[in-house]
Structures are given as structure tokens and as C-alpha cells.
Amino acid sequence: MPIEFSTSESARVRVRFSYVAELLFAAEFMSGGLLVRAGIDEDWRERQRALLPERARAYLDLVSGFSCPILSLLDYVTFTGELDDADAFFSRVAAEPIDRFLYVLLNGDLGQETVAACLADPAGAAAETGKLSTFSRMGADDLVALFAEPERFRTELLQYVSANRTEAFDRKIAELKGRYDDRCRAVEARLARKHPIEVAEEFKKRVFERREYRDYLFVPSWFIGRLNITSAVGDSFLFAFNIDPETEGDNREGDAIAAGLRVVADRSRLEILRLLASGPSYGKEIASRLSLTTATVSRHLDQLKAAGLVTEEKADNQNVKLVRLNAEGVEVLLETARHFVCGSRPASR
């Protein structure tokens, strides 16, 4: 049973598993965005992709330029309180006014007046891409297309998330039940001694500006890896924590950052990243432009891929792979390192 107790006469704190939240995290993980860096089982990801229908795989291609196309839907879990009934959750999101839906989808980076203006003139949305933050970033063409056909995008988004309710997903949830329960009990013990925001701050290693809410919900997740994700809407606060057990003196975050920085510490790999920042390229082209052998470039790309800093995809009608910079991965690595050293950063998911 989930724990329920109060920090004050008017506040409620719960620690419990949420099927809907975990489904959203699984769908986000499959999109190839931020959560892929968290170190989740890549074999599971391949099995899940094979079970997705063609339309779902097509949706993944559609949002390949988005940083986190599904993660914003977590806010709907927070303010609707729909934790376990996925169909009811989808119905709530589908019934949301389209301007409000877009505002939430883009993490509030575009104000409500700007959203209304972009709906009236989708082409004008191209000028707003500079306002998009880490969790809503996408290209100008993608943003214009989003505002041009928002209802279609929402329908395809919800169909894609729903398609992730596969046998592999449900089997993984059942397999991890014991770990979910164990981590919930561990977090319950911490919450019994400390204020919920203090516990969230310990997980996130940053200070939250707002301290008091009426409803606090802590949910465990496997799909977010070592990340911890927050959502605050009105007087409701949701905190998703990873199910890896913590130990005193654990320095996994520092180890992960150091490993990532070692990858970019090599001059040749830095040059590859800088070259790809101007546009996608091929291994042979990279080798030629940087006066390196193709074998050397291949080794560098393997390390950059493992660190989540570049991606590869098959080129059309060619037996070669197109290499792209994962700007999101680079940004997250550098921002995480800055936060680890300096101990503070702007509020983010």
C-alpha cells in the first residue's frame, strides 16, 4: 500500500508507483532523447522497438529533432492526479484546449499570448525557437509544423505513448515490482524524518525556490535511470526518483560526469563535435576534413556515441551511416558538470 501522511494540517504526501508516469518515461526513453543518457538497458530498448507498430516507429522519426517530445506530459499526471488508468489519462489530455496543451508541451517556454499568436500564424513560430529550453527544444521547421497541425500532433503523440503498452513493458513492470516497493519504502523512511522538498533537494542536489505545496507525490521509475525528475503544477508537486539504491558516499554521479568529460577531453573528438555542429556528416567525410584515418574516426565516434554526444542513422539508399551531433547530450553533460562543481543551477526537470 502507498504511504500517506501530512507535513502539516493541509498537506498530503504520497509515495507510490504510477503506471501512467512509468509509461510516459518508457515512451520518452524510446524516443532517443535525454533519458537515453541515463544508462538504461539498451537490449530492452531494442526489444521494445521491435514490438512497436509501424505508425509508432514513424512517430519516432517525426520527433527525432525534439529534445524531449513526451516528458512534458508528466505535468498532466501532476495536475490531473490520473496515476494508473492510461486510457483515462489519454482522454484528459485529448480534451485539453489546444492552446493549453501546447503551452504545457513546450514547458511554458512560450507564453500563452505567444502560443495564441503562433496558432494564428504558424510560420511566425520559427522566430520563437530561441526561447525553447532544454526540455522543449526543437528545430524551427518542427515548431512551425507543430503549430500548423497541433491536433494531429497531439493525436499521434498519444497514439505513440499508448503503443508503448507492450508485452515487454508490462513484463518489465512486473519484473521490477520488488525493486519499486523497496525504493518506495526507502523514500518513505527519508520522508518520515524530513520535509518533502528537503528530500527532493537531496536527490536533485539543488535548492528549490518554492517550499510548500498541498500535495506531494513521489513515484519510483526504472526508465529515468540515474536521473530524478520534477513536475510542479499549482499546489501539486511530483517527484520521480530512480530505483537504484543509494549508498552513503556513493559518487556515481561524479564518476559518470568524469567519464563524459574524459570523452570530450580529446582534441580530435572535440574537433569532430565542432564539425558536426555545422551539420551531419559521414565517417569518411569527417576523416578527410580532419586529416584522420577512417579507423581513427570510427573509434572516436564509438566513444562519442557511448557518451550520448552523437547519433548515427542509416543514410537513404546507402550502406553508410549519417552522423549527427546530439546537442542536447553535450548541453546536459556540461550543465551537469557545472552543477556538480558549483552546486546550483536554474530550475529544470
Protein backbone atom coordinates (compact mmCIF):
# COMPACT_ATOMS: atom_id res chain seq x y z
CA MET A 1 0.00 0.00 0.00
CA PRO A 2 1.24 3.55 -0.70
CA ILE A 3 2.16 5.64 2.27
CA GLU A 4 0.10 8.75 3.04
CA PHE A 5 0.90 11.26 5.72
CA SER A 6 0.94 15.01 6.23
CA THR A 7 3.67 17.57 6.72
CA SER A 8 1.05 20.00 8.01
CA GLU A 9 -2.69 20.03 8.55
CA SER A 10 -3.33 20.84 4.88
CA ALA A 11 -0.51 18.97 3.08
CA ARG A 12 -0.55 15.39 1.82
CA VAL A 13 2.50 13.26 0.96
CA ARG A 14 2.30 10.02 -1.00
CA VAL A 15 4.93 7.55 -2.16
CA ARG A 16 3.64 5.09 -4.75
CA PHE A 17 4.15 3.55 -8.15
CA SER A 18 2.37 5.21 -11.10
CA TYR A 19 1.72 3.11 -14.20
CA VAL A 20 0.96 6.24 -16.25
CA ALA A 21 4.14 8.05 -15.22
CA GLU A 22 6.28 4.99 -15.94
CA LEU A 23 4.62 4.59 -19.34
CA LEU A 24 5.48 8.20 -20.17
CA PHE A 25 9.08 7.65 -19.11
CA ALA A 26 9.31 4.48 -21.20
CA ALA A 27 7.91 6.28 -24.24
CA GLU A 28 10.35 9.16 -23.72
CA PHE A 29 13.23 6.73 -23.34
CA MET A 30 12.29 5.11 -26.65
CA SER A 31 12.33 8.50 -28.40
CA GLY A 32 16.10 8.66 -28.10
CA GLY A 33 16.20 11.91 -26.15
CA LEU A 34 17.57 12.85 -22.76
CA LEU A 35 16.68 9.66 -20.92
CA VAL A 36 18.88 7.52 -23.21
CA ARG A 37 21.91 9.02 -21.49
CA ALA A 38 20.73 7.61 -18.19
CA GLY A 39 22.20 4.17 -18.89
CA ILE A 40 19.07 2.05 -19.24
CA ASP A 41 19.35 -1.47 -20.71
CA GLU A 42 19.82 -0.94 -24.45
CA ASP A 43 18.77 -4.54 -25.15
CA TRP A 44 15.36 -3.83 -23.65
CA ARG A 45 15.07 -0.76 -25.85
CA GLU A 46 15.69 -2.83 -28.97
CA ARG A 47 13.11 -5.42 -27.91
CA GLN A 48 10.55 -2.73 -27.23
CA ARG A 49 11.15 -1.02 -30.57
CA ALA A 50 10.59 -4.31 -32.40
CA LEU A 51 7.16 -4.59 -30.74
CA LEU A 52 6.04 -1.08 -31.68
CA PRO A 53 3.68 -0.81 -34.66
CA GLU A 54 4.88 0.89 -37.79
CA ARG A 55 3.00 4.11 -37.03
CA ALA A 56 4.77 4.37 -33.67
CA ARG A 57 8.19 3.92 -35.27
CA ALA A 58 7.21 6.55 -37.83
CA TYR A 59 6.37 8.91 -34.98
CA LEU A 60 9.86 8.39 -33.55
CA ASP A 61 11.30 9.53 -36.87
CA LEU A 62 8.97 12.54 -36.84
CA VAL A 63 10.23 13.74 -33.45
CA SER A 64 13.89 12.85 -33.95
CA GLY A 65 14.78 16.54 -33.79
CA PHE A 66 12.95 17.12 -30.49
CA SER A 67 14.88 17.11 -27.22
CA CYS A 68 12.13 15.54 -25.06
CA PRO A 69 8.88 15.10 -27.00
CA ILE A 70 6.95 13.19 -24.31
CA LEU A 71 8.37 14.28 -20.96
CA SER A 72 6.19 17.38 -20.67
CA LEU A 73 3.10 15.19 -20.41
CA LEU A 74 4.22 14.41 -16.85
CA ASP A 75 2.67 17.75 -15.88
CA TYR A 76 -0.72 16.27 -16.77
CA VAL A 77 -0.10 13.45 -14.31
CA THR A 78 0.66 16.05 -11.66
CA PHE A 79 -2.44 18.18 -12.03
CA THR A 80 -4.97 15.54 -13.11
CA GLY A 81 -3.93 13.00 -10.49
CA GLU A 82 -4.52 10.21 -13.01
CA LEU A 83 -1.81 7.78 -11.95
CA ASP A 84 -2.83 4.33 -13.13
CA ASP A 85 -5.58 4.43 -15.77
CA ALA A 86 -3.73 5.19 -19.01
CA ASP A 87 -6.87 5.40 -21.14
CA ALA A 88 -8.46 7.89 -18.76
CA PHE A 89 -5.23 9.88 -18.78
CA PHE A 90 -5.16 10.00 -22.59
CA SER A 91 -8.78 11.15 -22.62
CA ARG A 92 -7.97 14.00 -20.24
CA VAL A 93 -5.06 15.17 -22.37
CA ALA A 94 -7.06 14.84 -25.60
CA ALA A 95 -9.84 17.01 -24.15
CA GLU A 96 -7.46 19.80 -23.12
CA PRO A 97 -7.87 23.08 -25.10
CA ILE A 98 -5.22 23.01 -27.79
CA ASP A 99 -3.60 26.26 -26.73
CA ARG A 100 -3.21 24.99 -23.17
CA PHE A 101 -1.89 21.66 -24.44
CA LEU A 102 0.81 23.41 -26.49
CA TYR A 103 1.72 25.65 -23.57
CA VAL A 104 2.28 22.58 -21.38
CA LEU A 105 4.01 20.61 -24.13
CA LEU A 106 6.55 23.43 -24.54
CA ASN A 107 7.13 23.65 -20.77
CA GLY A 108 5.74 27.16 -20.62
CA ASP A 109 8.75 28.46 -22.57
CA LEU A 110 6.37 30.28 -24.91
CA GLY A 111 3.89 32.42 -23.02
CA GLN A 112 0.18 31.91 -23.58
CA GLU A 113 -0.05 35.03 -25.74
CA THR A 114 2.84 33.78 -27.88
CA VAL A 115 1.19 30.36 -28.23
CA ALA A 116 -2.03 32.04 -29.40
CA ALA A 117 -0.10 34.16 -31.90
CA CYS A 118 1.73 31.11 -33.28
CA LEU A 119 -1.55 29.22 -33.67
CA ALA A 120 -2.89 32.16 -35.68
CA ASP A 121 0.31 32.38 -37.75
CA PRO A 122 2.26 29.09 -37.62
CA ALA A 123 5.03 30.43 -39.86
CA GLY A 124 5.81 33.02 -37.20
CA ALA A 125 6.69 30.27 -34.75
CA ALA A 126 10.08 29.92 -36.45
CA ALA A 127 11.18 33.14 -34.77
CA GLU A 128 10.41 31.71 -31.32
CA THR A 129 12.81 28.75 -31.31
CA GLY A 130 15.42 30.71 -29.37
CA LYS A 131 13.06 30.78 -26.38
CA LEU A 132 12.87 27.00 -26.11
CA SER A 133 14.78 25.48 -23.22
CA THR A 134 16.49 22.12 -22.78
CA PHE A 135 13.30 20.10 -22.38
CA SER A 136 11.31 21.65 -25.24
CA ARG A 137 13.98 22.31 -27.84
CA MET A 138 13.25 21.53 -31.49
CA GLY A 139 14.11 22.93 -34.90
CA ALA A 140 12.29 25.85 -36.49
CA ASP A 141 10.64 23.63 -39.10
CA ASP A 142 9.41 21.25 -36.39
CA LEU A 143 7.97 24.11 -34.35
CA VAL A 144 6.16 25.54 -37.37
CA ALA A 145 4.75 22.10 -38.20
CA LEU A 146 3.60 21.68 -34.60
CA PHE A 147 1.58 24.91 -34.69
CA ALA A 148 0.31 24.24 -38.21
CA GLU A 149 -1.31 20.91 -37.24
CA PRO A 150 -1.47 20.79 -33.44
CA GLU A 151 -4.47 18.45 -33.20
CA ARG A 152 -2.81 15.95 -35.49
CA PHE A 153 0.39 16.14 -33.46
CA ARG A 154 -1.48 15.54 -30.20
CA THR A 155 -3.34 12.56 -31.63
CA GLU A 156 -0.14 11.00 -32.95
CA LEU A 157 1.67 11.71 -29.67
CA LEU A 158 -0.98 9.98 -27.58
CA GLN A 159 -1.16 7.06 -30.02
CA TYR A 160 2.60 6.67 -29.78
CA VAL A 161 2.62 6.69 -25.97
CA SER A 162 -0.22 4.19 -25.90
CA ALA A 163 1.65 1.93 -28.34
CA ASN A 164 4.36 1.52 -25.71
CA ARG A 165 2.00 -0.58 -23.59
CA THR A 166 3.61 -3.71 -24.97
CA GLU A 167 4.20 -7.14 -23.52
CA ALA A 168 7.83 -6.13 -22.95
CA PHE A 169 6.76 -3.04 -20.98
CA ASP A 170 4.27 -4.87 -18.79
CA ARG A 171 6.71 -7.71 -18.22
CA LYS A 172 9.40 -5.25 -17.12
CA ILE A 173 6.98 -3.56 -14.71
CA ALA A 174 6.07 -6.91 -13.16
CA GLU A 175 9.73 -7.97 -13.00
CA LEU A 176 10.68 -4.79 -11.15
CA LYS A 177 7.81 -4.76 -8.65
CA GLY A 178 10.04 -5.74 -5.75
CA ARG A 179 12.55 -3.03 -6.57
CA TYR A 180 9.82 -0.41 -6.91
CA ASP A 181 8.46 -1.41 -3.50
CA ASP A 182 11.89 -1.42 -1.86
CA ARG A 183 12.73 2.05 -3.13
CA CYS A 184 9.34 3.39 -2.08
CA ARG A 185 9.98 2.13 1.46
CA ALA A 186 13.43 3.73 1.47
CA VAL A 187 12.00 7.07 0.37
CA GLU A 188 9.18 6.75 2.92
CA ALA A 189 11.80 6.43 5.64
CA ARG A 190 13.51 9.62 4.49
CA LEU A 191 10.21 11.49 4.28
CA ALA A 192 9.36 10.44 7.83
CA ARG A 193 12.32 12.46 9.04
CA LYS A 194 12.44 15.40 6.62
CA HIS A 195 10.25 17.81 4.72
CA PRO A 196 9.38 16.55 1.20
CA ILE A 197 11.17 19.42 -0.51
CA GLU A 198 14.32 18.69 1.51
CA VAL A 199 14.23 15.09 0.31
CA ALA A 200 13.74 16.21 -3.29
CA GLU A 201 16.65 18.63 -2.92
CA GLU A 202 18.89 15.84 -1.66
CA PHE A 203 18.06 13.77 -4.73
CA LYS A 204 18.41 16.66 -7.19
CA LYS A 205 21.35 18.31 -5.43
CA ARG A 206 19.86 21.74 -5.89
CA VAL A 207 17.64 24.15 -3.96
CA PHE A 208 14.01 24.65 -4.95
CA GLU A 209 12.61 28.16 -4.78
CA ARG A 210 9.12 27.12 -3.71
CA ARG A 211 8.89 25.19 -0.44
CA GLU A 212 5.22 24.48 0.27
CA TYR A 213 2.59 22.57 -1.71
CA ARG A 214 -0.70 20.97 -0.73
CA ASP A 215 0.06 17.65 -2.44
CA TYR A 216 3.41 15.87 -2.74
CA LEU A 217 3.71 12.71 -4.82
CA PHE A 218 6.92 10.64 -5.04
CA VAL A 219 6.97 7.94 -7.74
CA PRO A 220 9.69 5.36 -8.50
CA SER A 221 10.97 4.77 -12.03
CA TRP A 222 13.35 2.43 -13.81
CA PHE A 223 13.25 4.23 -17.15
CA ILE A 224 14.74 7.50 -15.91
CA GLY A 225 17.98 5.76 -14.99
CA ARG A 226 20.05 7.87 -12.63
CA LEU A 227 18.00 10.98 -13.28
CA ASN A 228 15.40 12.42 -10.91
CA ILE A 229 12.59 14.42 -12.49
CA THR A 230 10.28 17.04 -11.01
CA SER A 231 6.93 18.45 -12.03
CA ALA A 232 5.15 21.23 -10.18
CA VAL A 233 1.70 22.47 -11.21
CA GLY A 234 -0.28 24.79 -8.98
CA ASP A 235 -0.25 23.32 -5.48
CA SER A 236 0.84 19.85 -6.61
CA PHE A 237 4.43 18.62 -6.65
CA LEU A 238 5.52 15.35 -8.29
CA PHE A 239 8.99 13.90 -7.90
CA ALA A 240 10.11 10.85 -9.90
CA PHE A 241 13.11 9.10 -8.38
CA ASN A 242 15.23 6.32 -9.84
CA ILE A 243 15.07 2.87 -8.27
CA ASP A 244 18.80 2.34 -7.93
CA PRO A 245 19.51 2.09 -4.19
CA GLU A 246 21.60 4.87 -2.75
CA THR A 247 24.60 4.28 -0.51
CA GLU A 248 26.47 6.65 1.74
CA GLY A 249 29.45 8.13 -0.04
CA ASP A 250 28.15 6.97 -3.41
CA ASN A 251 29.81 9.03 -6.14
CA ARG A 252 28.19 7.58 -9.23
CA GLU A 253 27.13 11.00 -10.45
CA GLY A 254 30.69 12.30 -10.21
CA ASP A 255 32.03 9.15 -11.87
CA ALA A 256 29.55 9.49 -14.74
CA ILE A 257 30.44 13.16 -15.24
CA ALA A 258 34.17 12.39 -15.17
CA ALA A 259 33.71 9.64 -17.75
CA GLY A 260 31.81 12.02 -20.04
CA LEU A 261 34.39 14.76 -19.65
CA ARG A 262 37.17 12.30 -20.47
CA VAL A 263 35.45 11.66 -23.79
CA VAL A 264 35.38 15.34 -24.74
CA ALA A 265 38.87 15.97 -23.35
CA ASP A 266 40.42 14.54 -26.53
CA ARG A 267 41.23 17.23 -29.12
CA SER A 268 40.20 15.10 -32.09
CA ARG A 269 36.84 14.27 -30.56
CA LEU A 270 36.30 17.95 -29.81
CA GLU A 271 37.05 18.74 -33.47
CA ILE A 272 34.55 16.09 -34.55
CA LEU A 273 31.87 17.63 -32.34
CA ARG A 274 32.62 21.10 -33.67
CA LEU A 275 32.46 19.86 -37.25
CA LEU A 276 29.12 18.13 -36.63
CA ALA A 277 27.73 21.30 -35.04
CA SER A 278 27.61 22.76 -38.54
CA GLY A 279 25.64 19.80 -39.88
CA PRO A 280 25.52 15.99 -40.13
CA SER A 281 28.32 14.19 -41.92
CA TYR A 282 29.74 10.77 -42.80
CA GLY A 283 32.69 8.95 -41.28
CA LYS A 284 34.83 9.21 -44.42
CA GLU A 285 34.00 12.88 -44.83
CA ILE A 286 34.94 13.57 -41.21
CA ALA A 287 38.21 11.70 -41.67
CA SER A 288 39.03 13.69 -44.82
CA ARG A 289 38.20 17.08 -43.32
CA LEU A 290 40.16 16.43 -40.11
CA SER A 291 43.07 14.57 -41.78
CA LEU A 292 42.41 11.42 -39.75
CA THR A 293 42.14 7.80 -40.81
CA THR A 294 38.65 6.32 -41.07
CA ALA A 295 39.61 3.73 -38.44
CA THR A 296 40.58 6.51 -36.01
CA VAL A 297 37.35 8.39 -36.68
CA SER A 298 35.37 5.20 -36.15
CA ARG A 299 36.96 4.68 -32.73
CA HIS A 300 36.28 8.28 -31.76
CA LEU A 301 32.65 8.02 -32.90
CA ASP A 302 32.16 4.85 -30.85
CA GLN A 303 33.18 6.74 -27.72
CA LEU A 304 31.09 9.79 -28.59
CA LYS A 305 28.04 7.58 -29.21
CA ALA A 306 28.54 5.74 -25.92
CA ALA A 307 28.60 9.11 -24.14
CA GLY A 308 25.39 10.18 -25.89
CA LEU A 309 27.07 13.06 -27.72
CA VAL A 310 26.46 11.92 -31.29
CA THR A 311 23.94 9.70 -33.04
CA GLU A 312 24.14 7.60 -36.19
CA GLU A 313 21.45 6.67 -38.67
CA LYS A 314 21.42 4.84 -41.98
CA ALA A 315 21.52 7.18 -44.95
CA ASP A 316 18.87 6.78 -47.62
CA ASN A 317 19.69 4.06 -50.12
CA GLN A 318 23.28 3.87 -48.95
CA ASN A 319 25.22 1.37 -46.93
CA VAL A 320 26.71 4.17 -44.85
CA LYS A 321 25.70 5.94 -41.67
CA LEU A 322 24.99 9.63 -41.24
CA VAL A 323 26.47 11.07 -38.05
CA ARG A 324 24.69 13.87 -36.18
CA LEU A 325 25.65 15.96 -33.18
CA ASN A 326 23.40 15.34 -30.17
CA ALA A 327 23.48 18.94 -28.96
CA GLU A 328 21.16 18.01 -26.10
CA GLY A 329 23.64 15.40 -24.86
CA VAL A 330 26.51 17.88 -24.97
CA GLU A 331 24.48 20.50 -23.14
CA VAL A 332 23.36 18.10 -20.43
CA LEU A 333 26.90 16.84 -19.85
CA LEU A 334 28.34 20.34 -19.49
CA GLU A 335 25.43 21.64 -17.41
CA THR A 336 25.53 18.62 -15.11
CA ALA A 337 29.26 19.11 -14.63
CA ARG A 338 28.73 22.79 -13.85
CA HIS A 339 26.04 21.91 -11.32
CA PHE A 340 28.19 19.20 -9.74
CA VAL A 341 31.03 21.69 -9.21
CA CYS A 342 29.05 24.84 -8.37
CA GLY A 343 26.12 23.23 -6.59
CA SER A 344 23.32 25.27 -8.15
CA ARG A 345 21.55 25.70 -11.45
CA PRO A 346 18.27 27.11 -12.80
CA ALA A 347 15.18 25.03 -12.02
CA SER A 348 14.70 22.25 -14.56
CA ARG A 349 13.08 18.87 -14.88
